[in-house]
Amino acid sequence: MNKGKVSLLALIALILGVIYAAYVNYYFFVATPTEQDAAEAISEIIAGAVVTCTAVLMNALGFFMYHRGFILTGAILYIVAIALMPIYFMFTLLQGTLLFIAFAKMKKKE
């Protein structure tokens, strides 16, 4: 597979990841009221939000540098985000799958 199709998969995952990371950060840190129950819920969500934002960063580095390691790291982090926030699996499953496919299609640099 050529570089363009692999980059397209990574770009789609990057766009979806940025949208989801913005949603998570807005919803849980801006729009949520500051009651005691909400504070406890936010403390449980922080780990998932940090991992998701790190996955988006690795996705961006892998896309712009065309580097397999960053693509694989981003895919793994998206799957870890599913494990940390299982109720929101549908938002990160597609990005992780796209990055695993992009990683599999990329050629090794020798």
C-alpha atoms as a PDB file:
ATOM      1  CA  MET A   1       0.000   0.000   0.000  1.00  0.00           C
ATOM      2  CA  ASN A   2       1.353   3.408  -0.811  1.00  0.00           C
ATOM      3  CA  LYS A   3       2.153   6.187   1.617  1.00  0.00           C
ATOM      4  CA  GLY A   4      -0.977   8.195   0.722  1.00  0.00           C
ATOM      5  CA  LYS A   5      -3.492   5.562   1.822  1.00  0.00           C
ATOM      6  CA  VAL A   6      -1.642   4.869   5.051  1.00  0.00           C
ATOM      7  CA  SER A   7      -1.487   8.594   5.749  1.00  0.00           C
ATOM      8  CA  LEU A   8      -5.201   8.868   5.034  1.00  0.00           C
ATOM      9  CA  LEU A   9      -5.987   6.239   7.685  1.00  0.00           C
ATOM     10  CA  ALA A  10      -3.793   8.024  10.214  1.00  0.00           C
ATOM     11  CA  LEU A  11      -5.308  11.397   9.272  1.00  0.00           C
ATOM     12  CA  ILE A  12      -8.863  10.126   9.768  1.00  0.00           C
ATOM     13  CA  ALA A  13      -7.886   8.695  13.153  1.00  0.00           C
ATOM     14  CA  LEU A  14      -6.174  11.984  14.046  1.00  0.00           C
ATOM     15  CA  ILE A  15      -9.218  14.108  13.173  1.00  0.00           C
ATOM     16  CA  LEU A  16     -11.567  11.821  15.121  1.00  0.00           C
ATOM     17  CA  GLY A  17      -9.138  11.732  18.034  1.00  0.00           C
ATOM     18  CA  VAL A  18      -8.850  15.517  18.222  1.00  0.00           C
ATOM     19  CA  ILE A  19     -12.629  15.862  18.156  1.00  0.00           C
ATOM     20  CA  TYR A  20     -13.066  13.259  20.903  1.00  0.00           C
ATOM     21  CA  ALA A  21     -10.260  14.688  23.069  1.00  0.00           C
ATOM     22  CA  ALA A  22     -11.817  18.154  22.799  1.00  0.00           C
ATOM     23  CA  TYR A  23     -15.210  16.685  23.742  1.00  0.00           C
ATOM     24  CA  VAL A  24     -13.812  14.819  26.771  1.00  0.00           C
ATOM     25  CA  ASN A  25     -11.890  17.835  28.014  1.00  0.00           C
ATOM     26  CA  TYR A  26     -14.840  20.170  27.577  1.00  0.00           C
ATOM     27  CA  TYR A  27     -17.512  17.867  28.957  1.00  0.00           C
ATOM     28  CA  PHE A  28     -15.678  16.640  32.038  1.00  0.00           C
ATOM     29  CA  PHE A  29     -13.659  19.717  32.948  1.00  0.00           C
ATOM     30  CA  VAL A  30     -15.782  22.692  31.814  1.00  0.00           C
ATOM     31  CA  ALA A  31     -19.434  21.689  31.544  1.00  0.00           C
ATOM     32  CA  THR A  32     -19.606  19.444  34.619  1.00  0.00           C
ATOM     33  CA  PRO A  33     -20.875  21.156  37.768  1.00  0.00           C
ATOM     34  CA  THR A  34     -18.515  21.349  40.733  1.00  0.00           C
ATOM     35  CA  GLU A  35     -20.536  19.331  43.206  1.00  0.00           C
ATOM     36  CA  GLN A  36     -18.962  16.658  45.394  1.00  0.00           C
ATOM     37  CA  ASP A  37     -20.288  13.782  43.258  1.00  0.00           C
ATOM     38  CA  ALA A  38     -19.040  15.447  40.102  1.00  0.00           C
ATOM     39  CA  ALA A  39     -15.593  15.945  41.630  1.00  0.00           C
ATOM     40  CA  GLU A  40     -15.384  12.248  42.428  1.00  0.00           C
ATOM     41  CA  ALA A  41     -16.456  11.346  38.889  1.00  0.00           C
ATOM     42  CA  ILE A  42     -13.880  13.707  37.394  1.00  0.00           C
ATOM     43  CA  SER A  43     -11.110  12.134  39.459  1.00  0.00           C
ATOM     44  CA  GLU A  44     -11.981   8.773  37.918  1.00  0.00           C
ATOM     45  CA  ILE A  45     -12.082  10.206  34.396  1.00  0.00           C
ATOM     46  CA  ILE A  46      -8.766  12.087  34.503  1.00  0.00           C
ATOM     47  CA  ALA A  47      -6.691   8.986  33.741  1.00  0.00           C
ATOM     48  CA  GLY A  48      -8.747   8.160  30.671  1.00  0.00           C
ATOM     49  CA  ALA A  49      -8.613  11.748  29.423  1.00  0.00           C
ATOM     50  CA  VAL A  50      -4.837  11.925  29.859  1.00  0.00           C
ATOM     51  CA  VAL A  51      -4.332   8.651  28.001  1.00  0.00           C
ATOM     52  CA  THR A  52      -6.662   9.780  25.201  1.00  0.00           C
ATOM     53  CA  CYS A  53      -4.831  13.093  24.795  1.00  0.00           C
ATOM     54  CA  THR A  54      -1.490  11.257  24.785  1.00  0.00           C
ATOM     55  CA  ALA A  55      -2.834   8.901  22.114  1.00  0.00           C
ATOM     56  CA  VAL A  56      -3.828  11.900  19.983  1.00  0.00           C
ATOM     57  CA  LEU A  57      -0.327  13.337  20.419  1.00  0.00           C
ATOM     58  CA  MET A  58       1.295  10.047  19.342  1.00  0.00           C
ATOM     59  CA  ASN A  59      -1.118   9.843  16.422  1.00  0.00           C
ATOM     60  CA  ALA A  60      -0.132  13.352  15.308  1.00  0.00           C
ATOM     61  CA  LEU A  61       3.577  12.605  15.617  1.00  0.00           C
ATOM     62  CA  GLY A  62       3.170   9.373  13.669  1.00  0.00           C
ATOM     63  CA  PHE A  63       1.165  11.093  10.952  1.00  0.00           C
ATOM     64  CA  PHE A  64       3.395  14.122  10.471  1.00  0.00           C
ATOM     65  CA  MET A  65       6.689  12.233  10.819  1.00  0.00           C
ATOM     66  CA  TYR A  66       5.446   9.065   9.043  1.00  0.00           C
ATOM     67  CA  HIS A  67       6.899   6.914  11.797  1.00  0.00           C
ATOM     68  CA  ARG A  68       5.670   3.407  12.614  1.00  0.00           C
ATOM     69  CA  GLY A  69       6.547   3.532  16.297  1.00  0.00           C
ATOM     70  CA  PHE A  70       4.368   6.540  17.002  1.00  0.00           C
ATOM     71  CA  ILE A  71       1.470   5.033  15.044  1.00  0.00           C
ATOM     72  CA  LEU A  72       1.675   1.804  17.043  1.00  0.00           C
ATOM     73  CA  THR A  73       1.986   3.667  20.334  1.00  0.00           C
ATOM     74  CA  GLY A  74      -1.067   5.759  19.511  1.00  0.00           C
ATOM     75  CA  ALA A  75      -3.079   2.650  18.632  1.00  0.00           C
ATOM     76  CA  ILE A  76      -2.126   0.944  21.887  1.00  0.00           C
ATOM     77  CA  LEU A  77      -2.968   4.054  23.901  1.00  0.00           C
ATOM     78  CA  TYR A  78      -6.409   4.256  22.294  1.00  0.00           C
ATOM     79  CA  ILE A  79      -7.033   0.667  23.415  1.00  0.00           C
ATOM     80  CA  VAL A  80      -5.775   1.498  26.927  1.00  0.00           C
ATOM     81  CA  ALA A  81      -8.226   4.422  26.951  1.00  0.00           C
ATOM     82  CA  ILE A  82     -10.992   1.911  26.243  1.00  0.00           C
ATOM     83  CA  ALA A  83      -9.878  -0.112  29.267  1.00  0.00           C
ATOM     84  CA  LEU A  84      -9.870   3.014  31.465  1.00  0.00           C
ATOM     85  CA  MET A  85     -13.250   4.333  30.263  1.00  0.00           C
ATOM     86  CA  PRO A  86     -15.137   1.274  28.980  1.00  0.00           C
ATOM     87  CA  ILE A  87     -18.461   3.089  28.735  1.00  0.00           C
ATOM     88  CA  TYR A  88     -16.965   5.345  26.021  1.00  0.00           C
ATOM     89  CA  PHE A  89     -15.395   2.517  23.983  1.00  0.00           C
ATOM     90  CA  MET A  90     -17.288   3.444  20.834  1.00  0.00           C
ATOM     91  CA  PHE A  91     -15.448   6.753  20.584  1.00  0.00           C
ATOM     92  CA  THR A  92     -11.901   5.355  20.623  1.00  0.00           C
ATOM     93  CA  LEU A  93     -12.336   1.914  19.084  1.00  0.00           C
ATOM     94  CA  LEU A  94     -12.404   3.291  15.531  1.00  0.00           C
ATOM     95  CA  GLN A  95      -9.240   5.353  16.016  1.00  0.00           C
ATOM     96  CA  GLY A  96      -7.369   2.402  17.497  1.00  0.00           C
ATOM     97  CA  THR A  97      -8.477   0.108  14.683  1.00  0.00           C
ATOM     98  CA  LEU A  98      -7.520   2.615  11.995  1.00  0.00           C
ATOM     99  CA  LEU A  99      -4.078   3.093  13.511  1.00  0.00           C
ATOM    100  CA  PHE A 100      -3.483  -0.665  13.805  1.00  0.00           C
ATOM    101  CA  ILE A 101      -4.373  -1.023  10.111  1.00  0.00           C
ATOM    102  CA  ALA A 102      -2.126   1.928   9.212  1.00  0.00           C
ATOM    103  CA  PHE A 103       0.716   0.365  11.215  1.00  0.00           C
ATOM    104  CA  ALA A 104       0.263  -2.976   9.479  1.00  0.00           C
ATOM    105  CA  LYS A 105       0.326  -1.327   6.049  1.00  0.00           C
ATOM    106  CA  MET A 106       3.419   0.795   6.712  1.00  0.00           C
ATOM    107  CA  LYS A 107       6.737  -0.485   5.455  1.00  0.00           C
ATOM    108  CA  LYS A 108       9.701  -0.912   7.746  1.00  0.00           C
ATOM    109  CA  LYS A 109      12.486   1.613   7.376  1.00  0.00           C
ATOM    110  CA  GLU A 110      15.819  -0.089   6.921  1.00  0.00           C
END
